[in-house]
Protein backbone atom coordinates (compact mmCIF):
# COMPACT_ATOMS: atom_id res chain seq x y z
CA MET A 1 300.12 -92.60 151.49
CA LEU A 2 299.37 -93.84 154.94
CA TRP A 3 296.41 -91.62 155.96
CA ASN A 4 294.15 -92.44 153.07
CA LYS A 5 290.39 -92.39 153.51
CA ASN A 6 290.03 -96.08 154.28
CA PHE A 7 292.83 -96.17 156.85
CA SER A 8 291.46 -93.04 158.59
CA LEU A 9 288.00 -94.61 158.80
CA LEU A 10 289.38 -97.78 160.34
CA VAL A 11 291.46 -95.91 162.95
CA ALA A 12 288.43 -93.77 163.87
CA ALA A 13 286.22 -96.84 164.06
CA ASN A 14 288.83 -98.56 166.27
CA VAL A 15 288.96 -95.66 168.75
CA LEU A 16 285.19 -95.67 169.09
CA LEU A 17 285.25 -99.53 169.60
CA TYR A 18 287.78 -99.31 172.39
CA MET A 19 285.88 -96.43 173.90
CA ALA A 20 282.73 -98.49 173.89
CA VAL A 21 284.39 -101.53 175.43
CA TYR A 22 286.44 -99.71 178.09
CA LEU A 23 283.53 -97.52 179.09
CA LEU A 24 281.85 -100.72 180.29
CA CYS A 25 284.69 -101.85 182.57
CA PRO A 26 284.28 -99.43 185.55
CA LEU A 27 280.56 -99.17 184.86
CA LEU A 28 279.84 -102.88 185.19
CA TYR A 29 282.39 -103.32 188.00
CA GLY A 30 280.49 -100.76 190.15
CA TRP A 31 277.10 -102.20 189.16
CA LEU A 32 278.06 -105.82 190.17
CA LYS A 33 279.19 -104.59 193.60
CA ALA A 34 276.14 -102.38 194.17
CA GLU A 35 273.45 -104.67 192.65
CA TRP A 36 274.53 -108.11 194.04
CA GLY A 37 277.07 -107.26 196.71
CA CYS A 38 279.97 -108.83 194.83
CA THR A 39 283.44 -108.50 196.39
CA PRO A 40 285.97 -106.44 194.34
CA LEU A 41 287.70 -109.61 193.20
CA GLN A 42 284.36 -111.21 192.14
CA ALA A 43 283.26 -108.16 190.28
CA ALA A 44 286.70 -107.85 188.57
CA ALA A 45 286.68 -111.48 187.56
CA THR A 46 283.22 -111.26 186.09
CA VAL A 47 284.07 -108.08 184.10
CA GLY A 48 287.50 -109.41 183.18
CA VAL A 49 286.38 -112.71 181.75
CA PHE A 50 286.01 -110.57 178.62
CA ALA A 51 289.89 -110.91 177.96
CA PRO A 52 290.19 -114.70 177.89
CA ALA A 53 286.97 -114.84 175.89
CA MET A 54 288.88 -113.09 173.10
CA PHE A 55 290.72 -116.44 172.46
CA LEU A 56 287.53 -118.53 172.12
CA LEU A 57 286.87 -118.06 168.40
CA GLY A 58 290.48 -117.31 167.38
CA ALA A 59 290.93 -120.66 165.62
CA PHE A 60 288.20 -119.65 163.14
CA ASN A 61 289.66 -116.15 162.36
CA ASN A 62 291.42 -117.05 159.16
CA TYR A 63 288.55 -119.09 157.82
CA TRP A 64 286.02 -116.28 158.35
CA VAL A 65 288.00 -113.47 156.66
CA ASP A 66 288.97 -115.61 153.75
CA ARG A 67 285.55 -117.09 153.11
CA TYR A 68 283.39 -114.03 153.73
CA PRO A 69 283.63 -110.29 153.03
CA ARG A 70 285.97 -108.84 155.64
CA LYS A 71 283.87 -105.77 156.20
CA SER A 72 280.79 -107.91 156.99
CA VAL A 73 282.73 -109.97 159.56
CA ALA A 74 283.81 -106.79 161.36
CA ILE A 75 280.37 -105.22 161.17
CA ARG A 76 278.65 -108.29 162.61
CA ALA A 77 281.15 -108.49 165.48
CA LEU A 78 280.55 -104.86 166.36
CA LEU A 79 276.76 -105.45 166.18
CA VAL A 80 277.06 -108.29 168.69
CA ILE A 81 279.06 -106.07 171.15
CA GLY A 82 276.52 -103.25 170.88
CA ALA A 83 273.45 -105.49 171.14
CA ALA A 84 274.76 -107.26 174.23
CA ASN A 85 274.89 -103.92 176.04
CA LEU A 86 271.15 -103.68 175.80
CA VAL A 87 270.67 -106.98 177.64
CA TYR A 88 272.65 -106.15 180.77
CA PRO A 89 269.70 -104.47 182.64
CA TYR A 90 267.77 -107.67 182.27
CA ALA A 91 270.61 -109.95 183.68
CA ALA A 92 269.09 -111.63 186.76
CA THR A 93 272.32 -112.97 188.22
CA PRO A 94 276.10 -112.11 188.10
CA LEU A 95 276.49 -115.44 186.16
CA LEU A 96 274.36 -114.13 183.38
CA ALA A 97 276.22 -110.84 183.36
CA GLY A 98 279.45 -112.92 183.08
CA GLY A 99 277.96 -114.77 180.13
CA LEU A 100 277.29 -111.51 178.37
CA ARG A 101 280.93 -110.44 178.96
CA VAL A 102 282.04 -113.78 177.38
CA VAL A 103 279.88 -113.09 174.26
CA GLN A 104 281.26 -109.62 174.02
CA GLY A 105 284.88 -110.76 174.52
CA ALA A 106 284.57 -113.32 171.74
CA ALA A 107 282.98 -110.74 169.40
CA PHE A 108 285.64 -108.21 170.31
CA GLY A 109 288.41 -110.70 169.39
CA VAL A 110 286.87 -111.17 165.96
CA ALA A 111 286.30 -107.39 165.52
CA VAL A 112 289.85 -106.36 166.18
CA MET A 113 291.14 -109.18 164.00
CA ALA A 114 288.92 -108.22 161.10
CA THR A 115 289.87 -104.49 161.40
CA GLY A 116 293.38 -104.20 162.87
CA ALA A 117 294.88 -107.48 161.73
CA THR A 118 293.15 -107.69 158.31
CA LEU A 119 291.43 -104.67 156.87
CA VAL A 120 294.18 -102.25 157.92
CA ILE A 121 296.71 -104.34 156.06
CA ASP A 122 294.45 -104.58 153.05
CA VAL A 123 294.01 -100.84 152.61
CA THR A 124 297.62 -99.83 153.39
CA PRO A 125 300.48 -99.76 150.78
CA GLY A 126 303.02 -102.44 151.38
CA ASN A 127 305.78 -100.03 152.39
CA LYS A 128 303.49 -98.32 154.97
CA ARG A 129 302.23 -101.36 156.84
CA THR A 130 304.67 -101.15 159.78
CA PRO A 131 303.69 -97.50 160.60
CA ALA A 132 300.06 -98.48 160.04
CA ASN A 133 300.32 -101.22 162.73
CA ARG A 134 301.93 -98.64 165.15
CA VAL A 135 299.21 -96.10 164.48
CA PHE A 136 296.46 -98.65 165.01
CA ALA A 137 297.98 -99.92 168.19
CA TRP A 138 298.23 -96.42 169.61
CA SER A 139 294.59 -95.77 168.59
CA CYS A 140 293.70 -98.72 170.87
CA ILE A 141 295.37 -96.98 173.79
CA VAL A 142 293.77 -93.66 173.00
CA GLY A 143 290.28 -95.25 172.80
CA SER A 144 290.88 -97.14 176.03
CA ALA A 145 291.83 -93.97 177.90
CA LEU A 146 288.91 -92.03 176.50
CA GLY A 147 286.51 -94.83 177.47
CA LEU A 148 287.71 -94.94 181.04
CA MET A 149 287.45 -91.16 181.40
CA ALA A 150 284.00 -91.13 179.83
CA ALA A 151 282.83 -93.80 182.31
CA LEU A 152 284.20 -91.98 185.44
CA LEU A 153 282.84 -88.67 184.30
CA GLY A 154 279.65 -89.83 182.77
CA GLY A 155 278.84 -91.93 185.86
CA GLN A 156 278.37 -88.70 187.82
CA TYR A 157 275.55 -87.55 185.51
CA LEU A 158 274.09 -90.53 183.73
CA SER A 159 272.41 -93.77 184.89
CA LEU A 160 273.72 -97.27 184.08
CA GLN A 161 271.14 -97.80 181.32
CA GLN A 162 271.98 -94.45 179.68
CA LEU A 163 275.73 -95.24 179.70
CA LEU A 164 275.01 -98.66 178.10
CA TYR A 165 273.14 -96.77 175.36
CA VAL A 166 276.19 -94.54 174.93
CA SER A 167 278.44 -97.70 174.54
CA SER A 168 275.97 -99.17 171.98
CA ALA A 169 275.90 -95.81 170.08
CA LEU A 170 279.67 -95.84 169.86
CA CYS A 171 279.50 -99.37 168.35
CA LEU A 172 276.87 -98.18 165.91
CA ALA A 173 279.08 -95.26 164.86
CA GLY A 174 281.98 -97.71 164.41
CA ILE A 175 279.75 -99.86 162.13
CA ILE A 176 278.97 -96.76 160.01
CA LEU A 177 282.65 -95.94 159.67
CA VAL A 178 283.61 -99.43 158.71
CA SER A 179 280.77 -99.48 156.20
CA GLY A 180 282.43 -96.60 154.43
CA VAL A 181 285.74 -98.54 153.88
CA GLU A 182 286.32 -99.44 150.27
CA VAL A 183 288.09 -102.81 149.90
CA CYS A 184 288.09 -105.28 147.10
CA PHE A 185 286.06 -108.40 147.68
CA ARG A 186 288.28 -111.50 147.65
CA ALA A 187 287.01 -114.70 146.16
CA PRO A 188 286.48 -117.38 148.86
CA LEU A 189 289.68 -119.39 149.40
CA ASP A 190 289.93 -123.03 150.21
CA VAL A 191 291.30 -122.64 153.78
CA PRO A 192 290.98 -124.96 156.74
CA VAL A 193 288.20 -124.19 159.23
CA CYS A 194 290.54 -124.05 162.18
CA SER A 195 294.13 -122.75 162.21
CA PHE A 196 296.45 -120.42 164.12
CA ASP A 197 296.57 -117.94 161.24
CA ARG A 198 295.34 -114.45 162.39
CA PHE A 199 295.10 -115.84 165.91
CA LEU A 200 298.43 -116.72 167.63
CA LEU A 201 301.97 -116.50 166.48
CA PHE A 202 304.21 -118.67 168.65
CA ARG A 203 307.33 -117.01 167.31
CA SER A 204 306.17 -113.68 168.94
CA LEU A 205 304.97 -115.20 172.16
CA PRO A 206 308.17 -114.54 174.19
CA ALA A 207 307.97 -110.86 173.32
CA GLY A 208 304.27 -110.77 173.94
CA LEU A 209 304.55 -112.40 177.40
CA ASN A 210 307.21 -109.98 178.39
CA MET A 211 305.10 -107.13 177.01
CA LEU A 212 302.32 -108.08 179.57
CA VAL A 213 304.14 -106.05 182.21
CA VAL A 214 302.91 -102.80 180.60
CA PRO A 215 299.15 -103.51 180.50
CA PHE A 216 299.45 -105.25 183.86
CA VAL A 217 300.43 -101.94 185.50
CA LEU A 218 297.78 -99.96 183.61
CA GLY A 219 295.13 -102.51 184.54
CA ALA A 220 296.04 -102.29 188.27
CA LEU A 221 295.83 -98.48 188.17
CA ALA A 222 292.48 -98.59 186.30
CA VAL A 223 290.87 -100.24 189.32
CA ALA A 224 292.81 -98.60 192.17
CA VAL A 225 292.72 -94.97 191.03
CA PRO A 226 289.09 -93.74 190.38
CA ASP A 227 290.19 -90.18 189.32
CA PRO A 228 289.49 -89.30 185.71
CA PHE A 229 292.12 -86.52 185.85
CA PHE A 230 294.72 -89.12 186.75
CA TYR A 231 294.04 -90.77 183.36
CA CYS A 232 294.34 -87.35 181.67
CA ALA A 233 297.78 -87.16 183.14
CA THR A 234 298.61 -90.70 182.09
CA ALA A 235 297.45 -89.84 178.54
CA MET A 236 299.67 -86.74 178.55
CA GLY A 237 302.50 -89.05 179.40
CA PHE A 238 301.75 -91.17 176.39
CA PHE A 239 301.64 -88.07 174.22
CA GLY A 240 304.93 -87.04 175.76
CA TYR A 241 306.52 -90.18 174.42
CA VAL A 242 304.96 -89.58 170.99
CA LEU A 243 306.38 -86.05 170.94
CA CYS A 244 309.82 -87.39 171.90
CA ARG A 245 309.72 -89.84 168.98
CA GLN A 246 308.66 -87.03 166.65
CA VAL A 247 311.64 -84.91 167.72
CA TYR A 248 314.20 -87.77 167.95
CA THR A 249 313.43 -89.89 164.83
CA ARG A 250 316.55 -92.01 164.84
CA PRO A 251 316.08 -95.63 165.88
CA MET A 252 316.61 -96.04 169.54
CA ASN A 253 318.70 -98.89 171.13
CA GLY A 254 316.20 -101.38 172.40
CA ARG A 255 317.95 -102.01 175.67
CA TRP A 256 318.09 -98.35 176.64
CA GLN A 257 314.58 -97.61 175.45
CA LEU A 258 313.08 -100.35 177.59
CA PHE A 259 315.33 -99.54 180.52
CA ALA A 260 314.26 -95.82 180.41
CA GLY A 261 310.55 -96.83 179.98
CA GLN A 262 310.46 -99.17 182.95
CA LEU A 263 312.41 -96.80 185.05
CA PHE A 264 309.84 -94.07 184.49
CA VAL A 265 307.04 -96.51 185.27
CA ILE A 266 308.67 -97.64 188.54
CA ALA A 267 309.31 -93.92 189.45
CA GLY A 268 305.65 -93.10 188.79
CA LEU A 269 304.47 -96.04 190.96
CA LEU A 270 306.77 -95.02 193.72
CA ALA A 271 305.36 -91.54 193.56
CA LEU A 272 301.86 -92.90 193.95
CA THR A 273 302.86 -94.53 197.21
CA LEU A 274 303.67 -91.09 198.58
CA HIS A 275 300.83 -88.94 197.18
CA ALA A 276 298.52 -89.28 200.24
CA GLY A 277 295.75 -87.54 198.32
CA GLU A 278 297.89 -84.64 196.99
CA PRO A 279 296.85 -84.08 193.40
CA PRO A 280 300.25 -82.72 192.10
CA VAL A 281 302.00 -85.93 193.19
CA LEU A 282 299.22 -88.17 192.10
CA TYR A 283 299.07 -86.62 188.62
CA GLY A 284 302.81 -86.43 188.38
CA GLY A 285 302.97 -90.15 189.12
CA GLY A 286 300.34 -90.75 186.38
CA PHE A 287 302.39 -88.72 183.90
CA PHE A 288 305.52 -90.76 184.57
CA VAL A 289 303.60 -94.06 184.28
CA GLY A 290 302.16 -92.89 180.93
CA LEU A 291 305.57 -91.68 179.66
CA GLY A 292 307.32 -94.86 180.78
CA SER A 293 304.59 -97.10 179.28
CA GLY A 294 304.95 -95.22 175.98
CA PHE A 295 308.68 -95.94 175.79
CA SER A 296 308.26 -99.51 176.85
CA ILE A 297 305.32 -100.34 174.63
CA GLY A 298 307.13 -98.58 171.76
CA GLN A 299 309.90 -101.16 171.95
CA PHE A 300 307.60 -104.16 172.60
CA LEU A 301 305.35 -103.15 169.68
CA ARG A 302 308.35 -102.78 167.43
CA MET A 303 309.38 -106.37 168.33
CA MET A 304 305.89 -107.73 167.80
CA ILE A 305 305.80 -106.14 164.37
CA LEU A 306 309.31 -107.17 163.28
CA LEU A 307 309.35 -110.77 164.60
CA PRO A 308 306.78 -112.20 162.24
CA HIS A 309 307.78 -113.17 158.75
CA HIS A 310 306.13 -111.20 155.87
CA CYS A 311 303.17 -113.55 155.62
CA GLU A 312 302.70 -113.66 159.48
CA ARG A 313 302.11 -109.95 160.12
CA ALA A 314 298.33 -110.34 160.69
CA SER A 315 298.97 -113.22 163.15
CA GLY A 316 301.63 -111.31 165.03
CA PHE A 317 299.52 -108.19 165.37
CA GLN A 318 296.52 -110.20 166.60
CA THR A 319 298.68 -111.87 169.09
CA TYR A 320 299.68 -108.48 170.45
CA LEU A 321 296.07 -107.26 170.65
CA GLN A 322 294.91 -110.33 172.57
CA LEU A 323 297.88 -110.43 175.00
CA TRP A 324 297.34 -106.68 175.73
CA GLU A 325 293.79 -107.37 177.00
CA LEU A 326 295.03 -110.33 179.02
CA GLY A 327 297.60 -108.14 180.71
CA ILE A 328 294.95 -105.63 181.56
CA LEU A 329 292.87 -108.35 183.18
CA LEU A 330 295.75 -109.67 185.28
CA GLY A 331 296.52 -106.19 186.44
CA VAL A 332 292.90 -105.61 187.41
CA LEU A 333 292.73 -108.88 189.37
CA SER A 334 295.97 -108.09 191.28
CA ALA A 335 294.57 -104.81 192.38
CA CYS A 336 291.41 -106.54 193.83
CA LEU A 337 293.22 -109.12 195.87
CA PRO A 338 292.08 -108.70 199.47
CA GLY A 339 294.73 -107.33 201.88
CA VAL A 340 297.18 -106.55 199.05
CA ASN A 341 298.30 -103.06 198.18
CA TYR A 342 297.93 -102.74 194.35
CA LEU A 343 301.29 -100.92 194.11
CA ALA A 344 303.45 -103.82 195.46
CA PRO A 345 302.49 -106.37 192.62
CA ALA A 346 302.71 -103.56 190.03
CA ILE A 347 306.27 -102.52 191.06
CA ILE A 348 307.40 -106.20 191.36
CA VAL A 349 306.07 -107.00 187.86
CA ALA A 350 307.65 -103.84 186.38
CA VAL A 351 311.04 -104.79 187.79
CA VAL A 352 310.82 -108.44 186.79
CA GLY A 353 309.73 -107.41 183.26
CA LEU A 354 312.77 -105.17 182.95
CA LEU A 355 315.16 -107.83 184.05
CA VAL A 356 313.58 -110.47 181.72
CA TYR A 357 313.96 -108.14 178.80
CA GLN A 358 317.54 -107.14 179.56
CA PHE A 359 318.86 -110.70 180.22
CA TYR A 360 316.77 -112.79 177.83
CA LEU A 361 314.34 -111.16 175.43
CA HIS A 362 316.56 -108.59 173.74
CA ASP A 363 319.02 -111.35 172.62
CA TYR A 364 316.06 -113.52 171.53
CA PHE A 365 314.78 -110.65 169.36
CA VAL A 366 318.17 -110.00 167.79
CA ARG A 367 318.49 -113.70 166.90
CA HIS A 368 315.12 -114.12 165.38
CA VAL A 369 314.27 -110.86 163.77
CA ASP A 370 314.50 -110.73 159.97
CA THR A 371 315.65 -107.13 159.80
CA PRO A 372 319.06 -106.30 161.42
CA THR A 373 318.39 -104.28 164.56
CA THR A 374 319.85 -103.19 167.94
């Protein structure tokens, strides 16, 4: 059974974690501009250093979860993220704020490894691990969207410090949920201190790098469109994809699925160039971007799950989670470049990503995947 108690607790904790983390992004971005007069690019780079910081401790991932109780690794990482929130009001310079983002990014990398790439696999039956990875990945997207909407709506009524408390409270709730997970303690194993296990899987990197096109577009929109209802429309697009997959359960041809997905994304971006403040067009564009991103990430995620060999599943999924955040950062930075319309880079990247997949990556996937596929 997939939705057992332990799996449900981990998914709920993950949604709260992503809400806590993504709530901070627009909050700190606006704070850095208002408090110290940072330019949009400077503020985005300071907030976005969170993403590359996820890679800082990755070489120790496998050692930690095989030497110490996995729940305690996840709980301590969540505790660091929540505690760092309480220090932001006392940061005297943007550099110190950036240092806190580095600490949170490193802890976040450990947290998602301990939960999504380790505990989820531990508590899921062997024949349900592929759908479990899919569900966990989609819970990341749901939590991200909810966090952004909470920041944009909450910012109208709550102060910076109050919203930081909200983020810390979400981390605390995640700690309580993870504490309720029942998993057998494994005896410490004799593993090397540093390795690429549960960190990076080079076999999956081509798919992961091509996958960056999806979070790149979403990251650019997250900065350029400060309308919470736009993200509601985008979320409805995601759910539209999920509904399509519930109705049409047969495996889709990868080439056609990716083509349809990127076509929807490009159509949504083109609609945004025409909206001129008109809500129906703006929200329609958001819906198409969400729908297309759903189709595209559905295929990319399938590849990131199937490319690893059996013993590499955790490493492959962690690679996906880290590259997703890196793609968000690149999109955010592109939208903050002075004198550049954020839609131009987003459309170019979406088109290039489609061409790379059609002319290279699909054939790479078919050659390297263990399971026969189209």
